[in-house]
Amino acid sequence: MFNTVIEVILGLLLLFLAYKAIDSKELIKSVMYLSAVSMLSVVGFALMQAPDVAVTEAVIGSGMVTALFVFTLLSRKGVKR
């Protein structure tokens, strides 16, 4: 029962943050919302007892992809057009 409530709350939070990532007007906020979605999916994978997938998502999805997006946005701001 308790696990089901957590899964429903997690799913609703994932949907809300995914909507905010799409709807945000500032790119850096979209990247942060996307990172939060990725971290919450790590929690979801851990609840589903898939620790290998959770660790992979944490390293690649939350870490590397977020860093790549942030560095891309930072380098884009430095270019004069």
PDB file of N, CA and C in Angstrom:
ATOM      1  N   MET A   1       0.823  -1.198   0.000  1.00  0.00           N
ATOM      2  CA  MET A   1       0.000   0.000   0.000  1.00  0.00           C
ATOM      3  C   MET A   1       0.867   1.263   0.000  1.00  0.00           C
ATOM      4  N   PHE A   2       1.833   1.299   0.917  1.00  0.00           N
ATOM      5  CA  PHE A   2       2.699   2.478   1.036  1.00  0.00           C
ATOM      6  C   PHE A   2       3.544   2.657  -0.218  1.00  0.00           C
ATOM      7  N   ASN A   3       4.022   1.540  -0.770  1.00  0.00           N
ATOM      8  CA  ASN A   3       4.840   1.590  -1.976  1.00  0.00           C
ATOM      9  C   ASN A   3       4.031   2.109  -3.174  1.00  0.00           C
ATOM     10  N   THR A   4       2.762   1.748  -3.248  1.00  0.00           N
ATOM     11  CA  THR A   4       1.910   2.207  -4.334  1.00  0.00           C
ATOM     12  C   THR A   4       1.685   3.717  -4.260  1.00  0.00           C
ATOM     13  N   VAL A   5       1.501   4.234  -3.057  1.00  0.00           N
ATOM     14  CA  VAL A   5       1.311   5.675  -2.880  1.00  0.00           C
ATOM     15  C   VAL A   5       2.565   6.428  -3.331  1.00  0.00           C
ATOM     16  N   ILE A   6       3.726   5.917  -2.971  1.00  0.00           N
ATOM     17  CA  ILE A   6       4.983   6.550  -3.376  1.00  0.00           C
ATOM     18  C   ILE A   6       5.127   6.518  -4.896  1.00  0.00           C
ATOM     19  N   GLU A   7       4.768   5.400  -5.519  1.00  0.00           N
ATOM     20  CA  GLU A   7       4.861   5.296  -6.974  1.00  0.00           C
ATOM     21  C   GLU A   7       3.927   6.274  -7.680  1.00  0.00           C
ATOM     22  N   VAL A   8       2.731   6.465  -7.157  1.00  0.00           N
ATOM     23  CA  VAL A   8       1.788   7.406  -7.764  1.00  0.00           C
ATOM     24  C   VAL A   8       2.300   8.836  -7.613  1.00  0.00           C
ATOM     25  N   ILE A   9       2.782   9.182  -6.427  1.00  0.00           N
ATOM     26  CA  ILE A   9       3.336  10.523  -6.207  1.00  0.00           C
ATOM     27  C   ILE A   9       4.540  10.750  -7.111  1.00  0.00           C
ATOM     28  N   LEU A  10       5.395   9.756  -7.228  1.00  0.00           N
ATOM     29  CA  LEU A  10       6.575   9.852  -8.090  1.00  0.00           C
ATOM     30  C   LEU A  10       6.177  10.048  -9.549  1.00  0.00           C
ATOM     31  N   GLY A  11       5.180   9.307 -10.010  1.00  0.00           N
ATOM     32  CA  GLY A  11       4.706   9.442 -11.379  1.00  0.00           C
ATOM     33  C   GLY A  11       4.122  10.814 -11.667  1.00  0.00           C
ATOM     34  N   LEU A  12       3.333  11.327 -10.731  1.00  0.00           N
ATOM     35  CA  LEU A  12       2.763  12.660 -10.906  1.00  0.00           C
ATOM     36  C   LEU A  12       3.843  13.736 -10.902  1.00  0.00           C
ATOM     37  N   LEU A  13       4.833  13.575 -10.040  1.00  0.00           N
ATOM     38  CA  LEU A  13       5.941  14.529  -9.993  1.00  0.00           C
ATOM     39  C   LEU A  13       6.754  14.482 -11.285  1.00  0.00           C
ATOM     40  N   LEU A  14       6.953  13.281 -11.816  1.00  0.00           N
ATOM     41  CA  LEU A  14       7.655  13.144 -13.101  1.00  0.00           C
ATOM     42  C   LEU A  14       6.894  13.845 -14.225  1.00  0.00           C
ATOM     43  N   LEU A  15       5.596  13.651 -14.265  1.00  0.00           N
ATOM     44  CA  LEU A  15       4.793  14.309 -15.293  1.00  0.00           C
ATOM     45  C   LEU A  15       4.829  15.823 -15.149  1.00  0.00           C
ATOM     46  N   PHE A  16       4.737  16.315 -13.920  1.00  0.00           N
ATOM     47  CA  PHE A  16       4.764  17.758 -13.687  1.00  0.00           C
ATOM     48  C   PHE A  16       6.101  18.362 -14.117  1.00  0.00           C
ATOM     49  N   LEU A  17       7.203  17.733 -13.710  1.00  0.00           N
ATOM     50  CA  LEU A  17       8.519  18.269 -14.060  1.00  0.00           C
ATOM     51  C   LEU A  17       8.799  18.161 -15.560  1.00  0.00           C
ATOM     52  N   ALA A  18       8.314  17.115 -16.197  1.00  0.00           N
ATOM     53  CA  ALA A  18       8.483  16.989 -17.642  1.00  0.00           C
ATOM     54  C   ALA A  18       7.704  18.093 -18.361  1.00  0.00           C
ATOM     55  N   TYR A  19       6.510  18.398 -17.878  1.00  0.00           N
ATOM     56  CA  TYR A  19       5.744  19.501 -18.461  1.00  0.00           C
ATOM     57  C   TYR A  19       6.468  20.830 -18.263  1.00  0.00           C
ATOM     58  N   LYS A  20       7.019  21.045 -17.057  1.00  0.00           N
ATOM     59  CA  LYS A  20       7.744  22.284 -16.794  1.00  0.00           C
ATOM     60  C   LYS A  20       8.985  22.395 -17.681  1.00  0.00           C
ATOM     61  N   ALA A  21       9.646  21.284 -17.952  1.00  0.00           N
ATOM     62  CA  ALA A  21      10.824  21.302 -18.822  1.00  0.00           C
ATOM     63  C   ALA A  21      10.452  21.703 -20.235  1.00  0.00           C
ATOM     64  N   ILE A  22       9.313  21.254 -20.700  1.00  0.00           N
ATOM     65  CA  ILE A  22       8.864  21.599 -22.048  1.00  0.00           C
ATOM     66  C   ILE A  22       8.346  23.029 -22.102  1.00  0.00           C
ATOM     67  N   ASP A  23       7.657  23.453 -21.061  1.00  0.00           N
ATOM     68  CA  ASP A  23       6.973  24.744 -21.052  1.00  0.00           C
ATOM     69  C   ASP A  23       7.879  25.922 -20.682  1.00  0.00           C
ATOM     70  N   SER A  24       9.027  25.659 -20.083  1.00  0.00           N
ATOM     71  CA  SER A  24       9.897  26.736 -19.612  1.00  0.00           C
ATOM     72  C   SER A  24      10.453  27.544 -20.786  1.00  0.00           C
ATOM     73  N   LYS A  25      10.490  28.846 -20.605  1.00  0.00           N
ATOM     74  CA  LYS A  25      10.988  29.738 -21.659  1.00  0.00           C
ATOM     75  C   LYS A  25      12.511  29.876 -21.631  1.00  0.00           C
ATOM     76  N   GLU A  26      13.113  29.699 -20.461  1.00  0.00           N
ATOM     77  CA  GLU A  26      14.567  29.796 -20.338  1.00  0.00           C
ATOM     78  C   GLU A  26      15.186  28.410 -20.493  1.00  0.00           C
ATOM     79  N   LEU A  27      16.208  28.320 -21.328  1.00  0.00           N
ATOM     80  CA  LEU A  27      16.820  27.026 -21.623  1.00  0.00           C
ATOM     81  C   LEU A  27      17.480  26.407 -20.396  1.00  0.00           C
ATOM     82  N   ILE A  28      18.116  27.212 -19.560  1.00  0.00           N
ATOM     83  CA  ILE A  28      18.811  26.648 -18.400  1.00  0.00           C
ATOM     84  C   ILE A  28      17.808  26.050 -17.412  1.00  0.00           C
ATOM     85  N   LYS A  29      16.631  26.670 -17.290  1.00  0.00           N
ATOM     86  CA  LYS A  29      15.600  26.093 -16.423  1.00  0.00           C
ATOM     87  C   LYS A  29      15.095  24.776 -16.994  1.00  0.00           C
ATOM     88  N   SER A  30      14.961  24.709 -18.308  1.00  0.00           N
ATOM     89  CA  SER A  30      14.535  23.463 -18.945  1.00  0.00           C
ATOM     90  C   SER A  30      15.532  22.346 -18.685  1.00  0.00           C
ATOM     91  N   VAL A  31      16.812  22.681 -18.730  1.00  0.00           N
ATOM     92  CA  VAL A  31      17.849  21.682 -18.463  1.00  0.00           C
ATOM     93  C   VAL A  31      17.774  21.207 -17.015  1.00  0.00           C
ATOM     94  N   MET A  32      17.536  22.122 -16.091  1.00  0.00           N
ATOM     95  CA  MET A  32      17.448  21.739 -14.681  1.00  0.00           C
ATOM     96  C   MET A  32      16.209  20.874 -14.413  1.00  0.00           C
ATOM     97  N   TYR A  33      15.093  21.220 -15.048  1.00  0.00           N
ATOM     98  CA  TYR A  33      13.901  20.378 -14.907  1.00  0.00           C
ATOM     99  C   TYR A  33      14.144  18.993 -15.500  1.00  0.00           C
ATOM    100  N   LEU A  34      14.827  18.940 -16.622  1.00  0.00           N
ATOM    101  CA  LEU A  34      15.146  17.659 -17.241  1.00  0.00           C
ATOM    102  C   LEU A  34      16.064  16.827 -16.347  1.00  0.00           C
ATOM    103  N   SER A  35      16.990  17.486 -15.682  1.00  0.00           N
ATOM    104  CA  SER A  35      17.861  16.797 -14.734  1.00  0.00           C
ATOM    105  C   SER A  35      17.065  16.254 -13.550  1.00  0.00           C
ATOM    106  N   ALA A  36      16.095  17.034 -13.087  1.00  0.00           N
ATOM    107  CA  ALA A  36      15.251  16.568 -11.986  1.00  0.00           C
ATOM    108  C   ALA A  36      14.401  15.365 -12.405  1.00  0.00           C
ATOM    109  N   VAL A  37      13.917  15.379 -13.640  1.00  0.00           N
ATOM    110  CA  VAL A  37      13.169  14.230 -14.158  1.00  0.00           C
ATOM    111  C   VAL A  37      14.057  12.991 -14.177  1.00  0.00           C
ATOM    112  N   SER A  38      15.287  13.174 -14.598  1.00  0.00           N
ATOM    113  CA  SER A  38      16.214  12.058 -14.653  1.00  0.00           C
ATOM    114  C   SER A  38      16.512  11.509 -13.257  1.00  0.00           C
ATOM    115  N   MET A  39      16.687  12.397 -12.289  1.00  0.00           N
ATOM    116  CA  MET A  39      16.957  11.938 -10.925  1.00  0.00           C
ATOM    117  C   MET A  39      15.748  11.228 -10.322  1.00  0.00           C
ATOM    118  N   LEU A  40      14.553  11.717 -10.618  1.00  0.00           N
ATOM    119  CA  LEU A  40      13.365  11.032 -10.122  1.00  0.00           C
ATOM    120  C   LEU A  40      13.178   9.672 -10.797  1.00  0.00           C
ATOM    121  N   SER A  41      13.594   9.560 -12.035  1.00  0.00           N
ATOM    122  CA  SER A  41      13.530   8.254 -12.684  1.00  0.00           C
ATOM    123  C   SER A  41      14.517   7.278 -12.044  1.00  0.00           C
ATOM    124  N   VAL A  42      15.618   7.804 -11.522  1.00  0.00           N
ATOM    125  CA  VAL A  42      16.553   6.958 -10.771  1.00  0.00           C
ATOM    126  C   VAL A  42      15.856   6.379  -9.547  1.00  0.00           C
ATOM    127  N   VAL A  43      15.092   7.213  -8.853  1.00  0.00           N
ATOM    128  CA  VAL A  43      14.338   6.736  -7.691  1.00  0.00           C
ATOM    129  C   VAL A  43      13.320   5.688  -8.117  1.00  0.00           C
ATOM    130  N   GLY A  44      12.655   5.931  -9.244  1.00  0.00           N
ATOM    131  CA  GLY A  44      11.688   4.961  -9.747  1.00  0.00           C
ATOM    132  C   GLY A  44      12.326   3.619 -10.086  1.00  0.00           C
ATOM    133  N   PHE A  45      13.494   3.655 -10.721  1.00  0.00           N
ATOM    134  CA  PHE A  45      14.186   2.404 -11.028  1.00  0.00           C
ATOM    135  C   PHE A  45      14.622   1.685  -9.761  1.00  0.00           C
ATOM    136  N   ALA A  46      15.029   2.439  -8.757  1.00  0.00           N
ATOM    137  CA  ALA A  46      15.417   1.820  -7.492  1.00  0.00           C
ATOM    138  C   ALA A  46      14.207   1.181  -6.810  1.00  0.00           C
ATOM    139  N   LEU A  47      13.045   1.831  -6.898  1.00  0.00           N
ATOM    140  CA  LEU A  47      11.826   1.243  -6.328  1.00  0.00           C
ATOM    141  C   LEU A  47      11.413  -0.028  -7.064  1.00  0.00           C
ATOM    142  N   MET A  48      11.714  -0.089  -8.361  1.00  0.00           N
ATOM    143  CA  MET A  48      11.399  -1.281  -9.138  1.00  0.00           C
ATOM    144  C   MET A  48      12.466  -2.363  -8.998  1.00  0.00           C
ATOM    145  N   GLN A  49      13.405  -2.136  -8.092  1.00  0.00           N
ATOM    146  CA  GLN A  49      14.489  -3.078  -7.794  1.00  0.00           C
ATOM    147  C   GLN A  49      15.351  -3.363  -9.021  1.00  0.00           C
ATOM    148  N   ALA A  50      15.725  -2.281  -9.693  1.00  0.00           N
ATOM    149  CA  ALA A  50      16.640  -2.369 -10.830  1.00  0.00           C
ATOM    150  C   ALA A  50      17.825  -1.442 -10.556  1.00  0.00           C
ATOM    151  N   PRO A  51      18.705  -1.831  -9.633  1.00  0.00           N
ATOM    152  CA  PRO A  51      19.790  -0.928  -9.233  1.00  0.00           C
ATOM    153  C   PRO A  51      20.799  -0.655 -10.342  1.00  0.00           C
ATOM    154  N   ASP A  52      21.022  -1.621 -11.223  1.00  0.00           N
ATOM    155  CA  ASP A  52      21.974  -1.400 -12.315  1.00  0.00           C
ATOM    156  C   ASP A  52      21.465  -0.332 -13.290  1.00  0.00           C
ATOM    157  N   VAL A  53      20.174  -0.371 -13.588  1.00  0.00           N
ATOM    158  CA  VAL A  53      19.593   0.642 -14.463  1.00  0.00           C
ATOM    159  C   VAL A  53      19.568   1.994 -13.756  1.00  0.00           C
ATOM    160  N   ALA A  54      19.306   1.997 -12.447  1.00  0.00           N
ATOM    161  CA  ALA A  54      19.276   3.246 -11.683  1.00  0.00           C
ATOM    162  C   ALA A  54      20.648   3.913 -11.662  1.00  0.00           C
ATOM    163  N   VAL A  55      21.692   3.133 -11.466  1.00  0.00           N
ATOM    164  CA  VAL A  55      23.046   3.704 -11.443  1.00  0.00           C
ATOM    165  C   VAL A  55      23.424   4.225 -12.827  1.00  0.00           C
ATOM    166  N   THR A  56      23.074   3.485 -13.864  1.00  0.00           N
ATOM    167  CA  THR A  56      23.373   3.928 -15.222  1.00  0.00           C
ATOM    168  C   THR A  56      22.644   5.231 -15.547  1.00  0.00           C
ATOM    169  N   GLU A  57      21.381   5.311 -15.158  1.00  0.00           N
ATOM    170  CA  GLU A  57      20.613   6.541 -15.392  1.00  0.00           C
ATOM    171  C   GLU A  57      21.182   7.707 -14.586  1.00  0.00           C
ATOM    172  N   ALA A  58      21.628   7.437 -13.379  1.00  0.00           N
ATOM    173  CA  ALA A  58      22.202   8.503 -12.550  1.00  0.00           C
ATOM    174  C   ALA A  58      23.485   9.046 -13.164  1.00  0.00           C
ATOM    175  N   VAL A  59      24.334   8.147 -13.642  1.00  0.00           N
ATOM    176  CA  VAL A  59      25.623   8.582 -14.188  1.00  0.00           C
ATOM    177  C   VAL A  59      25.447   9.245 -15.553  1.00  0.00           C
ATOM    178  N   ILE A  60      24.729   8.578 -16.447  1.00  0.00           N
ATOM    179  CA  ILE A  60      24.623   9.086 -17.816  1.00  0.00           C
ATOM    180  C   ILE A  60      23.513  10.129 -17.937  1.00  0.00           C
ATOM    181  N   GLY A  61      22.316   9.794 -17.495  1.00  0.00           N
ATOM    182  CA  GLY A  61      21.185  10.699 -17.666  1.00  0.00           C
ATOM    183  C   GLY A  61      21.276  11.956 -16.841  1.00  0.00           C
ATOM    184  N   SER A  62      21.556  11.793 -15.564  1.00  0.00           N
ATOM    185  CA  SER A  62      21.589  12.967 -14.689  1.00  0.00           C
ATOM    186  C   SER A  62      22.922  13.682 -14.729  1.00  0.00           C
ATOM    187  N   GLY A  63      23.994  12.935 -14.811  1.00  0.00           N
ATOM    188  CA  GLY A  63      25.310  13.559 -14.750  1.00  0.00           C
ATOM    189  C   GLY A  63      25.826  14.062 -16.071  1.00  0.00           C
ATOM    190  N   MET A  64      26.100  13.140 -16.964  1.00  0.00           N
ATOM    191  CA  MET A  64      26.777  13.512 -18.210  1.00  0.00           C
ATOM    192  C   MET A  64      25.906  14.353 -19.136  1.00  0.00           C
ATOM    193  N   VAL A  65      24.652  13.978 -19.298  1.00  0.00           N
ATOM    194  CA  VAL A  65      23.785  14.709 -20.222  1.00  0.00           C
ATOM    195  C   VAL A  65      23.520  16.119 -19.696  1.00  0.00           C
ATOM    196  N   THR A  66      23.273  16.240 -18.394  1.00  0.00           N
ATOM    197  CA  THR A  66      23.061  17.568 -17.817  1.00  0.00           C
ATOM    198  C   THR A  66      24.305  18.427 -17.960  1.00  0.00           C
ATOM    199  N   ALA A  67      25.462  17.858 -17.688  1.00  0.00           N
ATOM    200  CA  ALA A  67      26.709  18.617 -17.843  1.00  0.00           C
ATOM    201  C   ALA A  67      26.918  19.032 -19.292  1.00  0.00           C
ATOM    202  N   LEU A  68      26.629  18.147 -20.233  1.00  0.00           N
ATOM    203  CA  LEU A  68      26.762  18.480 -21.649  1.00  0.00           C
ATOM    204  C   LEU A  68      25.838  19.629 -22.039  1.00  0.00           C
ATOM    205  N   PHE A  69      24.577  19.569 -21.593  1.00  0.00           N
ATOM    206  CA  PHE A  69      23.636  20.645 -21.898  1.00  0.00           C
ATOM    207  C   PHE A  69      24.075  21.968 -21.287  1.00  0.00           C
ATOM    208  N   VAL A  70      24.523  21.939 -20.029  1.00  0.00           N
ATOM    209  CA  VAL A  70      24.929  23.175 -19.356  1.00  0.00           C
ATOM    210  C   VAL A  70      26.161  23.769 -20.033  1.00  0.00           C
ATOM    211  N   PHE A  71      27.156  22.949 -20.333  1.00  0.00           N
ATOM    212  CA  PHE A  71      28.350  23.459 -21.009  1.00  0.00           C
ATOM    213  C   PHE A  71      28.019  23.999 -22.397  1.00  0.00           C
ATOM    214  N   THR A  72      27.085  23.360 -23.087  1.00  0.00           N
ATOM    215  CA  THR A  72      26.671  23.850 -24.397  1.00  0.00           C
ATOM    216  C   THR A  72      26.000  25.211 -24.277  1.00  0.00           C
ATOM    217  N   LEU A  73      25.130  25.361 -23.287  1.00  0.00           N
ATOM    218  CA  LEU A  73      24.473  26.654 -23.089  1.00  0.00           C
ATOM    219  C   LEU A  73      25.461  27.735 -22.686  1.00  0.00           C
ATOM    220  N   LEU A  74      26.438  27.392 -21.855  1.00  0.00           N
ATOM    221  CA  LEU A  74      27.424  28.371 -21.433  1.00  0.00           C
ATOM    222  C   LEU A  74      28.311  28.795 -22.599  1.00  0.00           C
ATOM    223  N   SER A  75      28.688  27.855 -23.447  1.00  0.00           N
ATOM    224  CA  SER A  75      29.533  28.210 -24.586  1.00  0.00           C
ATOM    225  C   SER A  75      28.739  29.004 -25.625  1.00  0.00           C
ATOM    226  N   ARG A  76      27.455  28.762 -25.712  1.00  0.00           N
ATOM    227  CA  ARG A  76      26.607  29.482 -26.652  1.00  0.00           C
ATOM    228  C   ARG A  76      26.458  30.944 -26.249  1.00  0.00           C
ATOM    229  N   LYS A  77      26.451  31.207 -24.941  1.00  0.00           N
ATOM    230  CA  LYS A  77      26.309  32.590 -24.469  1.00  0.00           C
ATOM    231  C   LYS A  77      27.561  33.401 -24.750  1.00  0.00           C
ATOM    232  N   GLY A  78      28.708  32.727 -24.864  1.00  0.00           N
ATOM    233  CA  GLY A  78      29.944  33.441 -25.112  1.00  0.00           C
ATOM    234  C   GLY A  78      30.137  33.851 -26.559  1.00  0.00           C
ATOM    235  N   VAL A  79      29.370  33.296 -27.466  1.00  0.00           N
ATOM    236  CA  VAL A  79      29.513  33.598 -28.889  1.00  0.00           C
ATOM    237  C   VAL A  79      28.750  34.878 -29.216  1.00  0.00           C
ATOM    238  N   LYS A  80      29.435  35.806 -29.869  1.00  0.00           N
ATOM    239  CA  LYS A  80      28.784  37.057 -30.284  1.00  0.00           C
ATOM    240  C   LYS A  80      28.192  36.862 -31.668  1.00  0.00           C
ATOM    241  N   ARG A  81      26.961  37.285 -31.844  1.00  0.00           N
ATOM    242  CA  ARG A  81      26.316  37.178 -33.148  1.00  0.00           C
ATOM    243  C   ARG A  81      25.935  38.518 -33.669  1.00  0.00           C
TER     244      ARG A  81
END
